[in-house]
C-alpha atoms as a PDB file:
ATOM      1  CA  UNK A   1     -31.307-147.749 135.569  1.00  0.00           C
ATOM      2  CA  UNK A   2     -28.870-144.894 135.020  1.00  0.00           C
ATOM      3  CA  UNK A   3     -28.699-143.382 131.563  1.00  0.00           C
ATOM      4  CA  UNK A   4     -26.176-144.999 129.226  1.00  0.00           C
ATOM      5  CA  UNK A   5     -22.976-142.997 128.785  1.00  0.00           C
ATOM      6  CA  UNK A   6     -21.227-142.793 125.433  1.00  0.00           C
ATOM      7  CA  UNK A   7     -17.906-141.183 124.535  1.00  0.00           C
ATOM      8  CA  UNK A   8     -17.439-138.682 121.733  1.00  0.00           C
ATOM      9  CA  UNK A   9     -14.928-136.091 120.580  1.00  0.00           C
ATOM     10  CA  UNK A  10     -15.357-132.434 121.489  1.00  0.00           C
ATOM     11  CA  UNK A  11     -13.732-131.394 118.193  1.00  0.00           C
ATOM     12  CA  UNK A  12     -13.154-132.885 114.748  1.00  0.00           C
ATOM     13  CA  UNK A  13     -12.286-131.345 111.362  1.00  0.00           C
ATOM     14  CA  UNK A  14     -15.230-130.071 109.344  1.00  0.00           C
ATOM     15  CA  UNK A  15     -15.151-133.026 106.944  1.00  0.00           C
ATOM     16  CA  UNK A  16     -15.710-135.426 109.864  1.00  0.00           C
ATOM     17  CA  UNK A  17     -18.651-133.638 111.461  1.00  0.00           C
ATOM     18  CA  UNK A  18     -21.713-135.836 111.310  1.00  0.00           C
ATOM     19  CA  UNK A  19     -19.595-138.870 110.436  1.00  0.00           C
ATOM     20  CA  UNK A  20     -17.794-139.785 113.661  1.00  0.00           C
ATOM     21  CA  UNK A  21     -19.120-143.180 114.692  1.00  0.00           C
ATOM     22  CA  UNK A  22     -20.671-142.087 117.977  1.00  0.00           C
ATOM     23  CA  UNK A  23     -23.363-140.716 115.647  1.00  0.00           C
ATOM     24  CA  UNK A  24     -24.521-144.249 114.862  1.00  0.00           C
ATOM     25  CA  UNK A  25     -24.953-144.984 118.560  1.00  0.00           C
ATOM     26  CA  UNK A  26     -26.764-141.695 119.120  1.00  0.00           C
ATOM     27  CA  UNK A  27     -29.112-142.491 116.243  1.00  0.00           C
ATOM     28  CA  UNK A  28     -29.897-145.949 117.639  1.00  0.00           C
ATOM     29  CA  UNK A  29     -30.629-144.514 121.087  1.00  0.00           C
ATOM     30  CA  UNK A  30     -32.864-141.851 119.555  1.00  0.00           C
ATOM     31  CA  UNK A  31     -34.761-144.480 117.556  1.00  0.00           C
ATOM     32  CA  UNK A  32     -35.578-146.500 120.677  1.00  0.00           C
ATOM     33  CA  UNK A  33     -36.310-143.408 122.773  1.00  0.00           C
ATOM     34  CA  UNK A  34     -33.542-143.986 125.311  1.00  0.00           C
ATOM     35  CA  UNK A  35     -31.943-140.862 126.856  1.00  0.00           C
ATOM     36  CA  UNK A  36     -28.165-140.932 127.231  1.00  0.00           C
ATOM     37  CA  UNK A  37     -25.230-138.894 128.459  1.00  0.00           C
ATOM     38  CA  UNK A  38     -21.983-138.073 126.695  1.00  0.00           C
ATOM     39  CA  UNK A  39     -18.437-138.035 128.021  1.00  0.00           C
ATOM     40  CA  UNK A  40     -16.508-135.719 125.710  1.00  0.00           C
ATOM     41  CA  UNK A  41     -12.838-136.281 124.905  1.00  0.00           C
ATOM     42  CA  UNK A  42     -10.399-133.775 123.480  1.00  0.00           C
ATOM     43  CA  UNK A  43      -8.279-134.925 120.530  1.00  0.00           C
ATOM     44  CA  UNK A  44      -5.475-137.080 121.893  1.00  0.00           C
ATOM     45  CA  UNK A  45      -7.277-137.941 125.111  1.00  0.00           C
ATOM     46  CA  UNK A  46      -8.665-141.087 123.481  1.00  0.00           C
ATOM     47  CA  UNK A  47      -5.139-142.526 123.403  1.00  0.00           C
ATOM     48  CA  UNK A  48      -4.634-142.184 127.161  1.00  0.00           C
ATOM     49  CA  UNK A  49      -4.794-145.093 129.608  1.00  0.00           C
ATOM     50  CA  UNK A  50      -8.163-144.092 131.095  1.00  0.00           C
ATOM     51  CA  UNK A  51      -9.954-144.302 127.771  1.00  0.00           C
ATOM     52  CA  UNK A  52      -7.966-147.320 126.565  1.00  0.00           C
ATOM     53  CA  UNK A  53      -9.345-149.185 129.571  1.00  0.00           C
ATOM     54  CA  UNK A  54     -12.727-148.735 127.890  1.00  0.00           C
ATOM     55  CA  UNK A  55     -11.561-148.966 124.266  1.00  0.00           C
ATOM     56  CA  UNK A  56      -8.305-150.863 123.683  1.00  0.00           C
ATOM     57  CA  UNK A  57      -7.724-149.272 120.250  1.00  0.00           C
ATOM     58  CA  UNK A  58      -8.063-145.684 121.489  1.00  0.00           C
ATOM     59  CA  UNK A  59     -11.149-144.812 119.445  1.00  0.00           C
ATOM     60  CA  UNK A  60     -14.705-143.600 119.981  1.00  0.00           C
ATOM     61  CA  UNK A  61     -17.409-144.419 120.732  1.00  0.00           C
ATOM     62  CA  UNK A  62     -17.669-146.462 123.886  1.00  0.00           C
ATOM     63  CA  UNK A  63     -20.847-147.289 125.760  1.00  0.00           C
ATOM     64  CA  UNK A  64     -21.328-147.763 129.499  1.00  0.00           C
ATOM     65  CA  UNK A  65     -24.501-149.010 131.171  1.00  0.00           C
ATOM     66  CA  UNK A  66     -24.932-150.518 134.640  1.00  0.00           C
ATOM     67  CA  UNK A  67     -21.430-151.982 134.797  1.00  0.00           C
ATOM     68  CA  UNK A  68     -21.331-153.036 131.151  1.00  0.00           C
ATOM     69  CA  UNK A  69     -18.743-151.372 128.908  1.00  0.00           C
ATOM     70  CA  UNK A  70     -18.797-151.875 125.137  1.00  0.00           C
ATOM     71  CA  UNK A  71     -16.774-150.602 122.202  1.00  0.00           C
ATOM     72  CA  UNK A  72     -17.268-150.822 118.414  1.00  0.00           C
ATOM     73  CA  UNK A  73     -20.303-148.959 117.086  1.00  0.00           C
ATOM     74  CA  UNK A  74     -21.790-152.076 115.449  1.00  0.00           C
ATOM     75  CA  UNK A  75     -21.667-154.053 118.692  1.00  0.00           C
ATOM     76  CA  UNK A  76     -23.183-151.143 120.593  1.00  0.00           C
ATOM     77  CA  UNK A  77     -26.016-150.707 118.079  1.00  0.00           C
ATOM     78  CA  UNK A  78     -26.678-154.464 118.260  1.00  0.00           C
ATOM     79  CA  UNK A  79     -26.883-154.232 122.061  1.00  0.00           C
ATOM     80  CA  UNK A  80     -29.296-151.300 121.898  1.00  0.00           C
ATOM     81  CA  UNK A  81     -31.468-153.087 119.322  1.00  0.00           C
ATOM     82  CA  UNK A  82     -31.502-156.212 121.508  1.00  0.00           C
ATOM     83  CA  UNK A  83     -32.431-154.365 124.686  1.00  0.00           C
ATOM     84  CA  UNK A  84     -35.083-151.892 123.574  1.00  0.00           C
ATOM     85  CA  UNK A  85     -37.876-152.341 121.000  1.00  0.00           C
ATOM     86  CA  UNK A  86     -37.761-150.539 117.681  1.00  0.00           C
ATOM     87  CA  UNK A  87     -34.706-151.756 115.774  1.00  0.00           C
ATOM     88  CA  UNK A  88     -35.119-155.556 115.814  1.00  0.00           C
ATOM     89  CA  UNK A  89     -38.118-157.735 114.891  1.00  0.00           C
ATOM     90  CA  UNK A  90     -39.610-159.859 117.660  1.00  0.00           C
ATOM     91  CA  UNK A  91     -38.832-163.223 116.057  1.00  0.00           C
ATOM     92  CA  UNK A  92     -35.414-164.881 116.064  1.00  0.00           C
ATOM     93  CA  UNK A  93     -35.316-165.408 112.295  1.00  0.00           C
ATOM     94  CA  UNK A  94     -36.159-161.752 111.681  1.00  0.00           C
ATOM     95  CA  UNK A  95     -33.416-160.649 114.070  1.00  0.00           C
ATOM     96  CA  UNK A  96     -30.939-162.838 112.264  1.00  0.00           C
ATOM     97  CA  UNK A  97     -31.848-161.261 108.917  1.00  0.00           C
ATOM     98  CA  UNK A  98     -31.371-157.781 110.355  1.00  0.00           C
ATOM     99  CA  UNK A  99     -28.048-158.797 111.937  1.00  0.00           C
ATOM    100  CA  UNK A 100     -26.958-160.094 108.545  1.00  0.00           C
ATOM    101  CA  UNK A 101     -27.400-156.598 107.098  1.00  0.00           C
ATOM    102  CA  UNK A 102     -25.622-155.008 110.038  1.00  0.00           C
ATOM    103  CA  UNK A 103     -22.591-157.181 109.293  1.00  0.00           C
ATOM    104  CA  UNK A 104     -22.893-156.499 105.562  1.00  0.00           C
ATOM    105  CA  UNK A 105     -22.913-152.740 106.101  1.00  0.00           C
ATOM    106  CA  UNK A 106     -19.802-152.747 108.287  1.00  0.00           C
ATOM    107  CA  UNK A 107     -17.790-155.646 106.854  1.00  0.00           C
ATOM    108  CA  UNK A 108     -18.615-155.614 103.138  1.00  0.00           C
ATOM    109  CA  UNK A 109     -19.820-152.156 102.108  1.00  0.00           C
ATOM    110  CA  UNK A 110     -17.936-149.817 104.440  1.00  0.00           C
ATOM    111  CA  UNK A 111     -14.312-150.994 103.892  1.00  0.00           C
ATOM    112  CA  UNK A 112     -13.977-149.844 100.245  1.00  0.00           C
ATOM    113  CA  UNK A 113     -15.857-146.624 101.031  1.00  0.00           C
ATOM    114  CA  UNK A 114     -13.490-145.943 103.920  1.00  0.00           C
ATOM    115  CA  UNK A 115     -10.534-146.296 101.559  1.00  0.00           C
ATOM    116  CA  UNK A 116     -11.600-143.076  99.862  1.00  0.00           C
ATOM    117  CA  UNK A 117     -10.733-141.151 103.011  1.00  0.00           C
ATOM    118  CA  UNK A 118      -7.161-142.432 102.811  1.00  0.00           C
ATOM    119  CA  UNK A 119      -6.880-141.676  99.109  1.00  0.00           C
ATOM    120  CA  UNK A 120      -8.390-138.189  99.329  1.00  0.00           C
ATOM    121  CA  UNK A 121      -7.386-137.075 102.821  1.00  0.00           C
ATOM    122  CA  UNK A 122      -5.133-139.076 105.102  1.00  0.00           C
ATOM    123  CA  UNK A 123      -2.642-140.253 102.458  1.00  0.00           C
ATOM    124  CA  UNK A 124      -3.316-137.612  99.822  1.00  0.00           C
ATOM    125  CA  UNK A 125       0.333-136.558  99.886  1.00  0.00           C
ATOM    126  CA  UNK A 126       1.565-140.043  98.975  1.00  0.00           C
ATOM    127  CA  UNK A 127       2.594-140.771  95.402  1.00  0.00           C
ATOM    128  CA  UNK A 128       0.367-143.856  95.235  1.00  0.00           C
ATOM    129  CA  UNK A 129      -2.871-142.211  96.386  1.00  0.00           C
ATOM    130  CA  UNK A 130      -4.122-140.574  93.195  1.00  0.00           C
ATOM    131  CA  UNK A 131      -3.355-143.585  90.930  1.00  0.00           C
ATOM    132  CA  UNK A 132      -5.107-145.821  93.450  1.00  0.00           C
ATOM    133  CA  UNK A 133      -8.444-144.014  93.311  1.00  0.00           C
ATOM    134  CA  UNK A 134      -9.865-145.701  90.166  1.00  0.00           C
ATOM    135  CA  UNK A 135      -9.512-149.158  91.677  1.00  0.00           C
ATOM    136  CA  UNK A 136     -11.135-147.976  94.916  1.00  0.00           C
ATOM    137  CA  UNK A 137     -13.999-146.454  92.935  1.00  0.00           C
ATOM    138  CA  UNK A 138     -14.449-149.723  91.050  1.00  0.00           C
ATOM    139  CA  UNK A 139     -14.766-151.721  94.259  1.00  0.00           C
ATOM    140  CA  UNK A 140     -17.263-149.233  95.667  1.00  0.00           C
ATOM    141  CA  UNK A 141     -19.309-149.245  92.467  1.00  0.00           C
ATOM    142  CA  UNK A 142     -19.530-153.039  92.594  1.00  0.00           C
ATOM    143  CA  UNK A 143     -20.785-153.033  96.174  1.00  0.00           C
ATOM    144  CA  UNK A 144     -23.319-150.284  95.500  1.00  0.00           C
ATOM    145  CA  UNK A 145     -24.682-152.161  92.514  1.00  0.00           C
ATOM    146  CA  UNK A 146     -25.089-155.272  94.643  1.00  0.00           C
ATOM    147  CA  UNK A 147     -26.860-153.441  97.475  1.00  0.00           C
ATOM    148  CA  UNK A 148     -29.155-151.656  95.014  1.00  0.00           C
ATOM    149  CA  UNK A 149     -30.023-154.941  93.338  1.00  0.00           C
ATOM    150  CA  UNK A 150     -30.973-156.583  96.627  1.00  0.00           C
ATOM    151  CA  UNK A 151     -32.916-153.555  97.887  1.00  0.00           C
ATOM    152  CA  UNK A 152     -34.916-153.410  94.660  1.00  0.00           C
ATOM    153  CA  UNK A 153     -38.140-151.443  95.062  1.00  0.00           C
ATOM    154  CA  UNK A 154     -38.435-152.070  98.811  1.00  0.00           C
ATOM    155  CA  UNK A 155     -38.265-149.257 101.333  1.00  0.00           C
ATOM    156  CA  UNK A 156     -35.970-151.116 103.731  1.00  0.00           C
ATOM    157  CA  UNK A 157     -33.613-154.074 103.522  1.00  0.00           C
ATOM    158  CA  UNK A 158     -35.442-156.470 105.846  1.00  0.00           C
ATOM    159  CA  UNK A 159     -39.023-155.229 105.663  1.00  0.00           C
ATOM    160  CA  UNK A 160     -39.398-152.517 108.303  1.00  0.00           C
ATOM    161  CA  UNK A 161     -36.714-149.991 109.264  1.00  0.00           C
ATOM    162  CA  UNK A 162     -34.177-151.780 111.431  1.00  0.00           C
ATOM    163  CA  UNK A 163     -30.665-151.661 112.857  1.00  0.00           C
ATOM    164  CA  UNK A 164     -29.494-153.027 109.504  1.00  0.00           C
ATOM    165  CA  UNK A 165     -30.843-149.972 107.710  1.00  0.00           C
ATOM    166  CA  UNK A 166     -29.468-147.647 110.372  1.00  0.00           C
ATOM    167  CA  UNK A 167     -25.944-148.919 109.779  1.00  0.00           C
ATOM    168  CA  UNK A 168     -26.269-149.232 105.999  1.00  0.00           C
ATOM    169  CA  UNK A 169     -27.566-145.669 105.667  1.00  0.00           C
ATOM    170  CA  UNK A 170     -24.798-144.476 108.001  1.00  0.00           C
ATOM    171  CA  UNK A 171     -22.231-146.078 105.703  1.00  0.00           C
ATOM    172  CA  UNK A 172     -23.746-144.933 102.405  1.00  0.00           C
ATOM    173  CA  UNK A 173     -24.084-141.335 103.508  1.00  0.00           C
ATOM    174  CA  UNK A 174     -20.286-141.146 103.771  1.00  0.00           C
ATOM    175  CA  UNK A 175     -20.430-140.781  99.966  1.00  0.00           C
ATOM    176  CA  UNK A 176     -23.785-138.997  99.932  1.00  0.00           C
ATOM    177  CA  UNK A 177     -22.470-136.228  97.652  1.00  0.00           C
ATOM    178  CA  UNK A 178     -20.293-138.447  95.475  1.00  0.00           C
ATOM    179  CA  UNK A 179     -21.256-139.378  91.880  1.00  0.00           C
ATOM    180  CA  UNK A 180     -20.680-143.004  92.866  1.00  0.00           C
ATOM    181  CA  UNK A 181     -23.865-142.956  94.934  1.00  0.00           C
ATOM    182  CA  UNK A 182     -25.725-140.681  92.515  1.00  0.00           C
ATOM    183  CA  UNK A 183     -25.374-143.421  89.892  1.00  0.00           C
ATOM    184  CA  UNK A 184     -27.890-145.467  91.919  1.00  0.00           C
ATOM    185  CA  UNK A 185     -31.159-143.513  92.333  1.00  0.00           C
ATOM    186  CA  UNK A 186     -32.695-146.276  94.452  1.00  0.00           C
ATOM    187  CA  UNK A 187     -29.860-145.915  96.969  1.00  0.00           C
ATOM    188  CA  UNK A 188     -30.080-142.120  96.916  1.00  0.00           C
ATOM    189  CA  UNK A 189     -33.785-142.420  97.776  1.00  0.00           C
ATOM    190  CA  UNK A 190     -32.990-145.063 100.416  1.00  0.00           C
ATOM    191  CA  UNK A 191     -30.447-142.818 102.125  1.00  0.00           C
ATOM    192  CA  UNK A 192     -32.906-139.927 102.040  1.00  0.00           C
ATOM    193  CA  UNK A 193     -35.587-142.048 103.709  1.00  0.00           C
ATOM    194  CA  UNK A 194     -33.126-142.792 106.478  1.00  0.00           C
ATOM    195  CA  UNK A 195     -31.889-139.242 106.933  1.00  0.00           C
ATOM    196  CA  UNK A 196     -35.460-137.899 106.900  1.00  0.00           C
ATOM    197  CA  UNK A 197     -36.272-139.818 110.076  1.00  0.00           C
ATOM    198  CA  UNK A 198     -36.749-137.540 113.117  1.00  0.00           C
ATOM    199  CA  UNK A 199     -34.389-139.688 115.209  1.00  0.00           C
ATOM    200  CA  UNK A 200     -31.642-139.186 112.625  1.00  0.00           C
ATOM    201  CA  UNK A 201     -32.028-135.416 112.820  1.00  0.00           C
ATOM    202  CA  UNK A 202     -31.977-135.410 116.619  1.00  0.00           C
ATOM    203  CA  UNK A 203     -28.809-137.510 116.614  1.00  0.00           C
ATOM    204  CA  UNK A 204     -26.987-135.377 114.057  1.00  0.00           C
ATOM    205  CA  UNK A 205     -27.957-132.156 115.829  1.00  0.00           C
ATOM    206  CA  UNK A 206     -26.718-133.558 119.139  1.00  0.00           C
ATOM    207  CA  UNK A 207     -23.367-134.569 117.689  1.00  0.00           C
ATOM    208  CA  UNK A 208     -22.809-131.218 115.991  1.00  0.00           C
ATOM    209  CA  UNK A 209     -23.767-129.335 119.162  1.00  0.00           C
ATOM    210  CA  UNK A 210     -21.069-131.219 121.068  1.00  0.00           C
ATOM    211  CA  UNK A 211     -18.209-129.878 118.968  1.00  0.00           C
ATOM    212  CA  UNK A 212     -17.189-127.094 121.312  1.00  0.00           C
ATOM    213  CA  UNK A 213     -13.492-127.904 121.696  1.00  0.00           C
ATOM    214  CA  UNK A 214     -10.378-126.696 119.912  1.00  0.00           C
ATOM    215  CA  UNK A 215      -8.154-128.357 117.299  1.00  0.00           C
ATOM    216  CA  UNK A 216      -5.002-130.071 118.534  1.00  0.00           C
ATOM    217  CA  UNK A 217      -1.548-128.643 118.072  1.00  0.00           C
ATOM    218  CA  UNK A 218      -0.317-129.099 114.538  1.00  0.00           C
ATOM    219  CA  UNK A 219      -3.736-129.285 112.919  1.00  0.00           C
ATOM    220  CA  UNK A 220      -3.354-126.009 111.018  1.00  0.00           C
ATOM    221  CA  UNK A 221      -0.118-127.261 109.434  1.00  0.00           C
ATOM    222  CA  UNK A 222      -1.721-130.601 108.518  1.00  0.00           C
ATOM    223  CA  UNK A 223      -4.723-128.841 106.990  1.00  0.00           C
ATOM    224  CA  UNK A 224      -2.480-126.520 104.962  1.00  0.00           C
ATOM    225  CA  UNK A 225      -0.565-129.529 103.630  1.00  0.00           C
ATOM    226  CA  UNK A 226      -3.826-131.217 102.667  1.00  0.00           C
ATOM    227  CA  UNK A 227      -5.027-128.124 100.805  1.00  0.00           C
ATOM    228  CA  UNK A 228      -1.717-127.881  98.987  1.00  0.00           C
ATOM    229  CA  UNK A 229      -2.103-131.480  97.821  1.00  0.00           C
ATOM    230  CA  UNK A 230      -5.622-130.767  96.600  1.00  0.00           C
ATOM    231  CA  UNK A 231      -4.459-127.645  94.741  1.00  0.00           C
ATOM    232  CA  UNK A 232      -1.669-129.622  93.079  1.00  0.00           C
ATOM    233  CA  UNK A 233      -4.256-131.998  91.579  1.00  0.00           C
END
């Protein structure tokens, strides 16, 4: 079998380094010990017809393996966990419990956390962004409280480290330095257990090493506008 091929960007702004979703796929592959190759895209190339044939929404990552092409990081991680041992239990019921947490991480916990990026970065120049932040914080705080309650004093969500933890830690570390997460010491410790794993470090190092490209035209102006908005606050 040929090595799986994933797609990733060759450049992103500093705030996105370590967060682009190909990282989640890299981490899963590292956990199961499966080597892979990377097809790097420059900013803008993901919107072209060649990549849209792999990913209809013009995003990364994609995953190619022996004629199979997948998109969406959650679906790809699920495929990896199903194919190689290490991220799913052997029994069907155990796999279902892990899948439940994969869905929870991406569908329930990540959406309000992702809203912060629009409030603080992508729509920071809009009049509604700053007033909107308290309500976003409230929704995040509710979800964090619920995850912390269910985790309790366990190391991992479904017993042993699994694909559910991989995705949940990936989501929670988006706000790793935010007081919202710091308010829940059990989740801080949970994220640290995940990020202390050797496979996590190999994946993050590999993603960072791949950022060898250049910013697209207009990025400097966009960044200056963003900094001006931040200074105005």
